[in-house]
PDB file of N, CA and C in Angstrom:
ATOM      1  N   MET A   1       0.823  -4.919  37.830  1.00  0.00           N
ATOM      2  CA  MET A   1       0.069  -5.172  36.596  1.00  0.00           C
ATOM      3  C   MET A   1       0.629  -6.282  35.789  1.00  0.00           C
ATOM      4  N   THR A   2      -0.570  -7.269  35.427  1.00  0.00           N
ATOM      5  CA  THR A   2      -0.039  -8.191  34.657  1.00  0.00           C
ATOM      6  C   THR A   2       0.433  -7.820  33.158  1.00  0.00           C
ATOM      7  N   GLU A   3       1.345  -8.526  32.835  1.00  0.00           N
ATOM      8  CA  GLU A   3       1.828  -8.167  31.228  1.00  0.00           C
ATOM      9  C   GLU A   3       0.737  -8.927  30.335  1.00  0.00           C
ATOM     10  N   HIS A   4       0.169  -8.224  29.113  1.00  0.00           N
ATOM     11  CA  HIS A   4      -0.764  -8.817  28.427  1.00  0.00           C
ATOM     12  C   HIS A   4      -0.309  -8.807  26.931  1.00  0.00           C
ATOM     13  N   VAL A   5      -0.894  -9.634  26.255  1.00  0.00           N
ATOM     14  CA  VAL A   5      -0.537  -9.437  24.710  1.00  0.00           C
ATOM     15  C   VAL A   5      -2.025  -9.561  24.255  1.00  0.00           C
ATOM     16  N   TYR A   6      -2.080  -8.364  23.219  1.00  0.00           N
ATOM     17  CA  TYR A   6      -3.165  -8.053  22.557  1.00  0.00           C
ATOM     18  C   TYR A   6      -3.308  -8.421  21.354  1.00  0.00           C
ATOM     19  N   LYS A   7      -4.560  -8.718  20.742  1.00  0.00           N
ATOM     20  CA  LYS A   7      -4.921  -8.981  19.417  1.00  0.00           C
ATOM     21  C   LYS A   7      -5.916  -8.031  18.832  1.00  0.00           C
ATOM     22  N   HIS A   8      -5.766  -7.496  17.689  1.00  0.00           N
ATOM     23  CA  HIS A   8      -6.974  -6.634  17.510  1.00  0.00           C
ATOM     24  C   HIS A   8      -7.700  -6.941  16.115  1.00  0.00           C
ATOM     25  N   ILE A   9      -8.920  -6.511  15.988  1.00  0.00           N
ATOM     26  CA  ILE A   9      -9.653  -7.002  14.809  1.00  0.00           C
ATOM     27  C   ILE A   9     -10.194  -5.507  14.476  1.00  0.00           C
ATOM     28  N   GLU A  10     -10.793  -5.251  13.177  1.00  0.00           N
ATOM     29  CA  GLU A  10     -11.232  -4.111  12.703  1.00  0.00           C
ATOM     30  C   GLU A  10     -12.743  -4.228  12.203  1.00  0.00           C
ATOM     31  N   LEU A  11     -13.737  -3.575  12.744  1.00  0.00           N
ATOM     32  CA  LEU A  11     -15.086  -3.717  12.739  1.00  0.00           C
ATOM     33  C   LEU A  11     -15.755  -2.377  11.956  1.00  0.00           C
ATOM     34  N   THR A  12     -16.662  -2.452  11.471  1.00  0.00           N
ATOM     35  CA  THR A  12     -17.719  -1.457  10.788  1.00  0.00           C
ATOM     36  C   THR A  12     -19.017  -1.573  11.463  1.00  0.00           C
ATOM     37  N   GLY A  13     -19.480  -0.604  12.042  1.00  0.00           N
ATOM     38  CA  GLY A  13     -20.832  -0.572  12.468  1.00  0.00           C
ATOM     39  C   GLY A  13     -21.651   0.478  11.749  1.00  0.00           C
ATOM     40  N   SER A  14     -22.938   0.631  11.665  1.00  0.00           N
ATOM     41  CA  SER A  14     -23.643   1.408  11.223  1.00  0.00           C
ATOM     42  C   SER A  14     -25.190   1.688  11.914  1.00  0.00           C
ATOM     43  N   SER A  15     -25.680   2.823  11.857  1.00  0.00           N
ATOM     44  CA  SER A  15     -26.705   3.262  12.591  1.00  0.00           C
ATOM     45  C   SER A  15     -27.285   4.637  12.030  1.00  0.00           C
ATOM     46  N   PRO A  16     -28.861   4.522  11.934  1.00  0.00           N
ATOM     47  CA  PRO A  16     -29.083   5.993  11.579  1.00  0.00           C
ATOM     48  C   PRO A  16     -29.299   7.038  12.921  1.00  0.00           C
ATOM     49  N   GLU A  17     -29.018   6.401  13.869  1.00  0.00           N
ATOM     50  CA  GLU A  17     -29.285   7.236  15.371  1.00  0.00           C
ATOM     51  C   GLU A  17     -27.793   8.002  15.654  1.00  0.00           C
ATOM     52  N   GLY A  18     -26.684   7.758  14.828  1.00  0.00           N
ATOM     53  CA  GLY A  18     -25.511   8.774  15.273  1.00  0.00           C
ATOM     54  C   GLY A  18     -24.298   7.647  15.312  1.00  0.00           C
ATOM     55  N   PHE A  19     -23.143   8.528  15.253  1.00  0.00           N
ATOM     56  CA  PHE A  19     -21.805   7.825  15.299  1.00  0.00           C
ATOM     57  C   PHE A  19     -21.583   6.849  16.464  1.00  0.00           C
ATOM     58  N   GLU A  20     -22.056   7.273  17.687  1.00  0.00           N
ATOM     59  CA  GLU A  20     -21.858   6.583  18.928  1.00  0.00           C
ATOM     60  C   GLU A  20     -22.815   5.210  18.837  1.00  0.00           C
ATOM     61  N   ARG A  21     -23.742   5.329  18.491  1.00  0.00           N
ATOM     62  CA  ARG A  21     -24.689   4.216  18.459  1.00  0.00           C
ATOM     63  C   ARG A  21     -24.077   3.144  17.324  1.00  0.00           C
ATOM     64  N   ALA A  22     -23.540   3.575  16.308  1.00  0.00           N
ATOM     65  CA  ALA A  22     -22.714   2.820  15.438  1.00  0.00           C
ATOM     66  C   ALA A  22     -21.541   2.054  16.036  1.00  0.00           C
ATOM     67  N   ILE A  23     -21.078   2.661  16.812  1.00  0.00           N
ATOM     68  CA  ILE A  23     -19.823   2.040  17.724  1.00  0.00           C
ATOM     69  C   ILE A  23     -20.350   1.183  18.619  1.00  0.00           C
ATOM     70  N   GLU A  24     -21.543   1.419  19.390  1.00  0.00           N
ATOM     71  CA  GLU A  24     -22.195   0.470  20.267  1.00  0.00           C
ATOM     72  C   GLU A  24     -22.586  -0.862  19.565  1.00  0.00           C
ATOM     73  N   ARG A  25     -23.321  -0.687  18.222  1.00  0.00           N
ATOM     74  CA  ARG A  25     -23.632  -1.876  17.762  1.00  0.00           C
ATOM     75  C   ARG A  25     -22.486  -2.870  17.176  1.00  0.00           C
ATOM     76  N   ALA A  26     -21.592  -2.226  16.975  1.00  0.00           N
ATOM     77  CA  ALA A  26     -20.073  -3.037  16.428  1.00  0.00           C
ATOM     78  C   ALA A  26     -19.710  -3.734  17.563  1.00  0.00           C
ATOM     79  N   LEU A  27     -19.637  -2.958  18.807  1.00  0.00           N
ATOM     80  CA  LEU A  27     -19.044  -3.750  20.065  1.00  0.00           C
ATOM     81  C   LEU A  27     -20.027  -4.718  20.512  1.00  0.00           C
ATOM     82  N   ALA A  28     -21.416  -4.499  20.484  1.00  0.00           N
ATOM     83  CA  ALA A  28     -22.353  -5.414  21.017  1.00  0.00           C
ATOM     84  C   ALA A  28     -22.114  -6.768  20.273  1.00  0.00           C
ATOM     85  N   ARG A  29     -22.227  -6.540  18.733  1.00  0.00           N
ATOM     86  CA  ARG A  29     -22.113  -7.632  17.807  1.00  0.00           C
ATOM     87  C   ARG A  29     -21.033  -8.697  18.108  1.00  0.00           C
ATOM     88  N   ALA A  30     -19.794  -7.755  18.131  1.00  0.00           N
ATOM     89  CA  ALA A  30     -18.640  -8.574  18.299  1.00  0.00           C
ATOM     90  C   ALA A  30     -18.465  -9.145  19.801  1.00  0.00           C
ATOM     91  N   GLY A  31     -19.073  -8.629  20.757  1.00  0.00           N
ATOM     92  CA  GLY A  31     -19.105  -9.202  22.005  1.00  0.00           C
ATOM     93  C   GLY A  31     -19.852 -10.517  22.111  1.00  0.00           C
ATOM     94  N   GLU A  32     -20.513 -10.949  21.142  1.00  0.00           N
ATOM     95  CA  GLU A  32     -21.227 -12.161  21.024  1.00  0.00           C
ATOM     96  C   GLU A  32     -20.382 -13.261  20.760  1.00  0.00           C
ATOM     97  N   SER A  33     -19.281 -13.008  20.233  1.00  0.00           N
ATOM     98  CA  SER A  33     -18.208 -14.007  19.921  1.00  0.00           C
ATOM     99  C   SER A  33     -16.761 -13.739  20.400  1.00  0.00           C
ATOM    100  N   VAL A  34     -16.292 -12.655  20.803  1.00  0.00           N
ATOM    101  CA  VAL A  34     -15.173 -12.095  20.902  1.00  0.00           C
ATOM    102  C   VAL A  34     -15.072 -11.843  22.414  1.00  0.00           C
ATOM    103  N   ARG A  35     -14.135 -12.497  23.211  1.00  0.00           N
ATOM    104  CA  ARG A  35     -14.077 -12.252  24.717  1.00  0.00           C
ATOM    105  C   ARG A  35     -12.910 -11.395  25.135  1.00  0.00           C
ATOM    106  N   ASN A  36     -12.866 -10.825  26.211  1.00  0.00           N
ATOM    107  CA  ASN A  36     -11.775 -10.005  26.739  1.00  0.00           C
ATOM    108  C   ASN A  36     -11.457  -8.717  25.966  1.00  0.00           C
ATOM    109  N   MET A  37     -12.519  -8.121  25.399  1.00  0.00           N
ATOM    110  CA  MET A  37     -12.208  -6.900  24.569  1.00  0.00           C
ATOM    111  C   MET A  37     -11.969  -5.818  25.810  1.00  0.00           C
ATOM    112  N   ARG A  38     -10.942  -4.988  25.420  1.00  0.00           N
ATOM    113  CA  ARG A  38     -10.339  -4.157  26.355  1.00  0.00           C
ATOM    114  C   ARG A  38     -10.161  -2.642  25.905  1.00  0.00           C
ATOM    115  N   TRP A  39     -10.274  -2.371  24.374  1.00  0.00           N
ATOM    116  CA  TRP A  39     -10.006  -1.103  24.029  1.00  0.00           C
ATOM    117  C   TRP A  39     -10.621  -0.994  22.540  1.00  0.00           C
ATOM    118  N   PHE A  40     -10.886   0.226  22.399  1.00  0.00           N
ATOM    119  CA  PHE A  40     -11.295   0.549  20.940  1.00  0.00           C
ATOM    120  C   PHE A  40     -10.639   1.971  20.350  1.00  0.00           C
ATOM    121  N   GLU A  41     -10.422   1.973  18.886  1.00  0.00           N
ATOM    122  CA  GLU A  41      -9.859   3.103  18.549  1.00  0.00           C
ATOM    123  C   GLU A  41     -10.697   3.559  17.196  1.00  0.00           C
ATOM    124  N   VAL A  42     -11.220   4.646  16.926  1.00  0.00           N
ATOM    125  CA  VAL A  42     -12.086   4.924  15.836  1.00  0.00           C
ATOM    126  C   VAL A  42     -10.958   5.228  14.618  1.00  0.00           C
ATOM    127  N   VAL A  43     -11.149   4.471  13.532  1.00  0.00           N
ATOM    128  CA  VAL A  43     -10.335   4.511  12.411  1.00  0.00           C
ATOM    129  C   VAL A  43     -10.990   5.407  11.480  1.00  0.00           C
ATOM    130  N   ASP A  44     -12.231   5.550  11.086  1.00  0.00           N
ATOM    131  CA  ASP A  44     -12.987   6.025  10.059  1.00  0.00           C
ATOM    132  C   ASP A  44     -14.206   6.424  10.499  1.00  0.00           C
ATOM    133  N   THR A  45     -14.829   7.450  10.064  1.00  0.00           N
ATOM    134  CA  THR A  45     -16.198   7.858  10.248  1.00  0.00           C
ATOM    135  C   THR A  45     -16.707   8.365   8.844  1.00  0.00           C
ATOM    136  N   ARG A  46     -17.923   7.662   8.596  1.00  0.00           N
ATOM    137  CA  ARG A  46     -18.608   8.075   7.056  1.00  0.00           C
ATOM    138  C   ARG A  46     -19.976   8.218   7.401  1.00  0.00           C
ATOM    139  N   GLY A  47     -20.839   8.905   6.471  1.00  0.00           N
ATOM    140  CA  GLY A  47     -22.043   9.036   6.582  1.00  0.00           C
ATOM    141  C   GLY A  47     -22.832   8.806   5.100  1.00  0.00           C
ATOM    142  N   PHE A  48     -23.884   8.354   5.195  1.00  0.00           N
ATOM    143  CA  PHE A  48     -24.788   8.276   3.836  1.00  0.00           C
ATOM    144  C   PHE A  48     -25.701   9.349   3.925  1.00  0.00           C
ATOM    145  N   ILE A  49     -25.850   9.902   2.644  1.00  0.00           N
ATOM    146  CA  ILE A  49     -26.858  10.944   2.507  1.00  0.00           C
ATOM    147  C   ILE A  49     -28.017  10.615   1.663  1.00  0.00           C
ATOM    148  N   ALA A  50     -29.166  10.903   1.994  1.00  0.00           N
ATOM    149  CA  ALA A  50     -30.396  10.481   1.219  1.00  0.00           C
ATOM    150  C   ALA A  50     -31.350  11.742   1.450  1.00  0.00           C
ATOM    151  N   GLU A  51     -31.790  12.174   0.253  1.00  0.00           N
ATOM    152  CA  GLU A  51     -32.494  13.267   0.066  1.00  0.00           C
ATOM    153  C   GLU A  51     -32.050  14.607   0.870  1.00  0.00           C
ATOM    154  N   GLY A  52     -30.726  14.843   0.840  1.00  0.00           N
ATOM    155  CA  GLY A  52     -30.196  15.923   1.608  1.00  0.00           C
ATOM    156  C   GLY A  52     -29.829  16.115   3.044  1.00  0.00           C
ATOM    157  N   LYS A  53     -30.158  14.646   3.791  1.00  0.00           N
ATOM    158  CA  LYS A  53     -30.098  14.562   5.092  1.00  0.00           C
ATOM    159  C   LYS A  53     -29.153  13.359   5.294  1.00  0.00           C
ATOM    160  N   ILE A  54     -28.633  13.184   6.622  1.00  0.00           N
ATOM    161  CA  ILE A  54     -28.014  12.199   6.924  1.00  0.00           C
ATOM    162  C   ILE A  54     -29.036  10.832   7.165  1.00  0.00           C
ATOM    163  N   ALA A  55     -28.689   9.791   6.618  1.00  0.00           N
ATOM    164  CA  ALA A  55     -29.502   8.674   6.709  1.00  0.00           C
ATOM    165  C   ALA A  55     -29.075   7.652   7.415  1.00  0.00           C
ATOM    166  N   TYR A  56     -27.628   7.692   7.721  1.00  0.00           N
ATOM    167  CA  TYR A  56     -27.127   6.523   8.468  1.00  0.00           C
ATOM    168  C   TYR A  56     -25.434   6.991   8.569  1.00  0.00           C
ATOM    169  N   TRP A  57     -24.964   6.514   9.623  1.00  0.00           N
ATOM    170  CA  TRP A  57     -23.372   6.763  10.109  1.00  0.00           C
ATOM    171  C   TRP A  57     -22.833   5.427   9.832  1.00  0.00           C
ATOM    172  N   GLN A  58     -21.542   5.270   9.382  1.00  0.00           N
ATOM    173  CA  GLN A  58     -20.814   4.086   9.389  1.00  0.00           C
ATOM    174  C   GLN A  58     -19.530   4.473  10.112  1.00  0.00           C
ATOM    175  N   VAL A  59     -19.019   3.734  11.085  1.00  0.00           N
ATOM    176  CA  VAL A  59     -17.947   4.026  11.896  1.00  0.00           C
ATOM    177  C   VAL A  59     -17.110   2.666  11.905  1.00  0.00           C
ATOM    178  N   THR A  60     -15.803   2.702  11.353  1.00  0.00           N
ATOM    179  CA  THR A  60     -14.974   1.805  11.583  1.00  0.00           C
ATOM    180  C   THR A  60     -14.058   1.862  12.667  1.00  0.00           C
ATOM    181  N   ILE A  61     -13.975   0.718  13.595  1.00  0.00           N
ATOM    182  CA  ILE A  61     -13.160   0.826  14.916  1.00  0.00           C
ATOM    183  C   ILE A  61     -12.011  -0.408  14.686  1.00  0.00           C
ATOM    184  N   LYS A  62     -11.103  -0.334  15.466  1.00  0.00           N
ATOM    185  CA  LYS A  62     -10.221  -1.258  15.734  1.00  0.00           C
ATOM    186  C   LYS A  62     -10.553  -1.688  17.283  1.00  0.00           C
ATOM    187  N   VAL A  63     -10.718  -2.962  17.364  1.00  0.00           N
ATOM    188  CA  VAL A  63     -11.040  -3.395  18.912  1.00  0.00           C
ATOM    189  C   VAL A  63      -9.881  -4.434  19.341  1.00  0.00           C
ATOM    190  N   GLY A  64      -9.217  -4.079  20.399  1.00  0.00           N
ATOM    191  CA  GLY A  64      -8.204  -4.698  21.038  1.00  0.00           C
ATOM    192  C   GLY A  64      -8.741  -5.601  22.116  1.00  0.00           C
ATOM    193  N   PHE A  65      -8.362  -6.915  22.126  1.00  0.00           N
ATOM    194  CA  PHE A  65      -8.840  -8.063  22.991  1.00  0.00           C
ATOM    195  C   PHE A  65      -7.531  -8.619  23.633  1.00  0.00           C
ATOM    196  N   THR A  66      -7.524  -9.183  24.897  1.00  0.00           N
ATOM    197  CA  THR A  66      -6.369  -9.983  25.250  1.00  0.00           C
ATOM    198  C   THR A  66      -6.646 -11.381  25.011  1.00  0.00           C
ATOM    199  N   ILE A  67      -5.409 -11.948  24.609  1.00  0.00           N
ATOM    200  CA  ILE A  67      -5.279 -13.529  24.336  1.00  0.00           C
ATOM    201  C   ILE A  67      -5.257 -14.155  25.521  1.00  0.00           C
ATOM    202  N   GLU A  68      -6.041 -15.224  25.768  1.00  0.00           N
ATOM    203  CA  GLU A  68      -6.242 -16.007  26.856  1.00  0.00           C
ATOM    204  C   GLU A  68      -5.071 -16.809  26.909  1.00  0.00           C
ATOM    205  N   GLU A  69      -4.527 -17.166  28.116  1.00  0.00           N
ATOM    206  CA  GLU A  69      -3.414 -17.922  28.642  1.00  0.00           C
ATOM    207  C   GLU A  69      -3.494 -19.561  28.389  1.00  0.00           C
TER     208      GLU A  69
END
């Protein structure tokens, strides 16, 4: 196994469809400019309530990516 050096960033995605979709949106958007993403860690999960119901989810994640040689 090759030794890697990782850098990580923190992102917050949101979605009315659920927390998993919020994560997917954050990763998809980051994937447009960040290469070599390898892992993510959920840091925080929140929801917004409107009229007594869940309106949308917000999920903050740390994303690790390898630094290119």
